[in-house]
Amino acid sequence: MAAPFSLESQADKPMAHLNIGERPGHPVDPAYNGIWLIDNREIPNGPVQSILVSPGKRKVDYICPGIMVLDGYQTASADFIAGEQYEISCENEPGIKVVRGGA
């Protein structure tokens, strides 16, 4: 089964783009903060700050800047649409939101 994500753009496979959001006053530790898994599939050399996601309902495991987790990752789900840009909100209400629609 193909991975539900890609680190590189593929012309023959339209995908959505997902970024980890910022948290003011909390610097990003690239070795700790970011996107770790999608649909329980580990991101190679993770975490990453940005990734392409296959369309469909996906579960994303991540760690926002300034957050310490002891029992796993923060988790959110979204129904991704190819061509749209999404961001994991690391402020106030956690979750995944559309930040820019596709063409």
C-alpha atoms as a PDB file:
ATOM      1  CA  MET A   1       0.000   0.000   0.000  1.00  0.00           C
ATOM      2  CA  ALA A   2       1.323   3.428  -0.955  1.00  0.00           C
ATOM      3  CA  ALA A   3       2.156   5.881   1.802  1.00  0.00           C
ATOM      4  CA  PRO A   4      -0.577   8.489   2.442  1.00  0.00           C
ATOM      5  CA  PHE A   5       2.027  11.242   2.079  1.00  0.00           C
ATOM      6  CA  SER A   6       4.998  12.380   0.021  1.00  0.00           C
ATOM      7  CA  LEU A   7       7.973  14.595   0.705  1.00  0.00           C
ATOM      8  CA  GLU A   8       8.223  15.591  -2.978  1.00  0.00           C
ATOM      9  CA  SER A   9       5.659  16.847  -5.483  1.00  0.00           C
ATOM     10  CA  GLN A  10       4.435  14.295  -8.027  1.00  0.00           C
ATOM     11  CA  ALA A  11       2.844  15.617 -11.226  1.00  0.00           C
ATOM     12  CA  ASP A  12       0.740  12.466 -11.695  1.00  0.00           C
ATOM     13  CA  LYS A  13      -0.593  12.440  -8.111  1.00  0.00           C
ATOM     14  CA  PRO A  14      -2.443  15.573  -6.924  1.00  0.00           C
ATOM     15  CA  MET A  15      -2.027  16.113  -3.198  1.00  0.00           C
ATOM     16  CA  ALA A  16      -2.829  18.543  -0.393  1.00  0.00           C
ATOM     17  CA  HIS A  17      -0.103  20.520   1.373  1.00  0.00           C
ATOM     18  CA  LEU A  18       0.141  20.460   5.192  1.00  0.00           C
ATOM     19  CA  ASN A  19       2.293  22.715   7.414  1.00  0.00           C
ATOM     20  CA  ILE A  20       2.797  22.755  11.170  1.00  0.00           C
ATOM     21  CA  GLY A  21       1.671  26.085  12.636  1.00  0.00           C
ATOM     22  CA  GLU A  22       3.672  28.467  14.776  1.00  0.00           C
ATOM     23  CA  ARG A  23       3.186  29.165  18.445  1.00  0.00           C
ATOM     24  CA  PRO A  24       4.297  32.708  19.326  1.00  0.00           C
ATOM     25  CA  GLY A  25       6.992  32.801  21.992  1.00  0.00           C
ATOM     26  CA  HIS A  26       7.952  29.163  21.448  1.00  0.00           C
ATOM     27  CA  PRO A  27      10.837  28.410  19.097  1.00  0.00           C
ATOM     28  CA  VAL A  28      10.656  25.349  16.862  1.00  0.00           C
ATOM     29  CA  ASP A  29      12.974  22.478  17.738  1.00  0.00           C
ATOM     30  CA  PRO A  30      13.286  20.724  14.346  1.00  0.00           C
ATOM     31  CA  ALA A  31      14.330  17.468  16.024  1.00  0.00           C
ATOM     32  CA  TYR A  32      11.156  17.384  18.179  1.00  0.00           C
ATOM     33  CA  ASN A  33       8.427  19.688  16.807  1.00  0.00           C
ATOM     34  CA  GLY A  34       6.593  18.861  13.613  1.00  0.00           C
ATOM     35  CA  ILE A  35       4.598  16.186  11.827  1.00  0.00           C
ATOM     36  CA  TRP A  36       5.600  12.649  12.875  1.00  0.00           C
ATOM     37  CA  LEU A  37       3.006  10.252  11.425  1.00  0.00           C
ATOM     38  CA  ILE A  38       0.118  10.202   8.960  1.00  0.00           C
ATOM     39  CA  ASP A  39      -2.383   7.360   9.270  1.00  0.00           C
ATOM     40  CA  ASN A  40       0.039   5.669  11.690  1.00  0.00           C
ATOM     41  CA  ARG A  41       2.776   5.647   9.020  1.00  0.00           C
ATOM     42  CA  GLU A  42       6.031   7.175  10.237  1.00  0.00           C
ATOM     43  CA  ILE A  43       7.503  10.064   8.226  1.00  0.00           C
ATOM     44  CA  PRO A  44      11.055   9.099   7.152  1.00  0.00           C
ATOM     45  CA  ASN A  45      13.637  11.253   8.929  1.00  0.00           C
ATOM     46  CA  GLY A  46      10.780  12.950  10.799  1.00  0.00           C
ATOM     47  CA  PRO A  47       9.557  15.154  12.122  1.00  0.00           C
ATOM     48  CA  VAL A  48       8.909  17.491   9.180  1.00  0.00           C
ATOM     49  CA  GLN A  49       7.495  21.018   9.162  1.00  0.00           C
ATOM     50  CA  SER A  50       5.707  20.572   5.829  1.00  0.00           C
ATOM     51  CA  ILE A  51       4.461  17.582   3.824  1.00  0.00           C
ATOM     52  CA  LEU A  52       2.222  16.598   0.915  1.00  0.00           C
ATOM     53  CA  VAL A  53      -0.792  14.511   1.936  1.00  0.00           C
ATOM     54  CA  SER A  54      -2.896  12.182  -0.210  1.00  0.00           C
ATOM     55  CA  PRO A  55      -6.557  13.221  -0.516  1.00  0.00           C
ATOM     56  CA  GLY A  56      -9.053  11.674   1.862  1.00  0.00           C
ATOM     57  CA  LYS A  57      -9.667  11.401   5.595  1.00  0.00           C
ATOM     58  CA  ARG A  58      -6.278  11.288   7.349  1.00  0.00           C
ATOM     59  CA  LYS A  59      -5.088  11.133  10.961  1.00  0.00           C
ATOM     60  CA  VAL A  60      -2.015  13.264  11.666  1.00  0.00           C
ATOM     61  CA  ASP A  61       0.267  12.863  14.695  1.00  0.00           C
ATOM     62  CA  TYR A  62       2.384  15.913  15.524  1.00  0.00           C
ATOM     63  CA  ILE A  63       4.020  17.970  18.269  1.00  0.00           C
ATOM     64  CA  CYS A  64       3.589  21.747  18.339  1.00  0.00           C
ATOM     65  CA  PRO A  65       6.363  24.092  19.518  1.00  0.00           C
ATOM     66  CA  GLY A  66       6.385  24.598  23.289  1.00  0.00           C
ATOM     67  CA  ILE A  67       4.436  21.387  23.969  1.00  0.00           C
ATOM     68  CA  MET A  68       5.875  18.471  25.915  1.00  0.00           C
ATOM     69  CA  VAL A  69       4.186  15.123  25.377  1.00  0.00           C
ATOM     70  CA  LEU A  70       4.743  12.066  27.517  1.00  0.00           C
ATOM     71  CA  ASP A  71       2.222   9.513  26.256  1.00  0.00           C
ATOM     72  CA  GLY A  72       2.340   9.916  22.478  1.00  0.00           C
ATOM     73  CA  TYR A  73       1.718  12.685  20.030  1.00  0.00           C
ATOM     74  CA  GLN A  74      -0.909  15.349  19.598  1.00  0.00           C
ATOM     75  CA  THR A  75      -3.450  14.072  17.074  1.00  0.00           C
ATOM     76  CA  ALA A  76      -5.923  15.624  14.643  1.00  0.00           C
ATOM     77  CA  SER A  77      -7.871  14.372  11.644  1.00  0.00           C
ATOM     78  CA  ALA A  78      -9.022  16.102   8.485  1.00  0.00           C
ATOM     79  CA  ASP A  79     -10.546  15.280   5.117  1.00  0.00           C
ATOM     80  CA  PHE A  80      -7.802  16.494   2.768  1.00  0.00           C
ATOM     81  CA  ILE A  81      -8.618  17.780  -0.734  1.00  0.00           C
ATOM     82  CA  ALA A  82      -5.944  17.815  -3.441  1.00  0.00           C
ATOM     83  CA  GLY A  83      -4.677  21.311  -4.238  1.00  0.00           C
ATOM     84  CA  GLU A  84      -5.654  22.834  -0.911  1.00  0.00           C
ATOM     85  CA  GLN A  85      -3.231  24.089   1.723  1.00  0.00           C
ATOM     86  CA  TYR A  86      -3.729  23.117   5.364  1.00  0.00           C
ATOM     87  CA  GLU A  87      -2.109  24.122   8.631  1.00  0.00           C
ATOM     88  CA  ILE A  88      -1.991  22.438  12.007  1.00  0.00           C
ATOM     89  CA  SER A  89      -3.113  25.072  14.489  1.00  0.00           C
ATOM     90  CA  CYS A  90      -0.768  25.273  17.467  1.00  0.00           C
ATOM     91  CA  GLU A  91      -2.623  28.148  19.137  1.00  0.00           C
ATOM     92  CA  ASN A  92      -5.834  28.223  21.173  1.00  0.00           C
ATOM     93  CA  GLU A  93      -7.926  25.555  19.423  1.00  0.00           C
ATOM     94  CA  PRO A  94      -5.733  22.744  18.134  1.00  0.00           C
ATOM     95  CA  GLY A  95      -6.668  21.040  14.885  1.00  0.00           C
ATOM     96  CA  ILE A  96      -6.176  21.220  11.144  1.00  0.00           C
ATOM     97  CA  LYS A  97      -7.592  24.112   9.138  1.00  0.00           C
ATOM     98  CA  VAL A  98      -7.658  25.106   5.468  1.00  0.00           C
ATOM     99  CA  VAL A  99      -5.479  28.172   4.939  1.00  0.00           C
ATOM    100  CA  ARG A 100      -5.724  28.438   1.157  1.00  0.00           C
ATOM    101  CA  GLY A 101      -7.974  26.701  -1.328  1.00  0.00           C
ATOM    102  CA  GLY A 102      -6.769  25.100  -4.540  1.00  0.00           C
ATOM    103  CA  ALA A 103      -7.086  26.511  -8.027  1.00  0.00           C
END
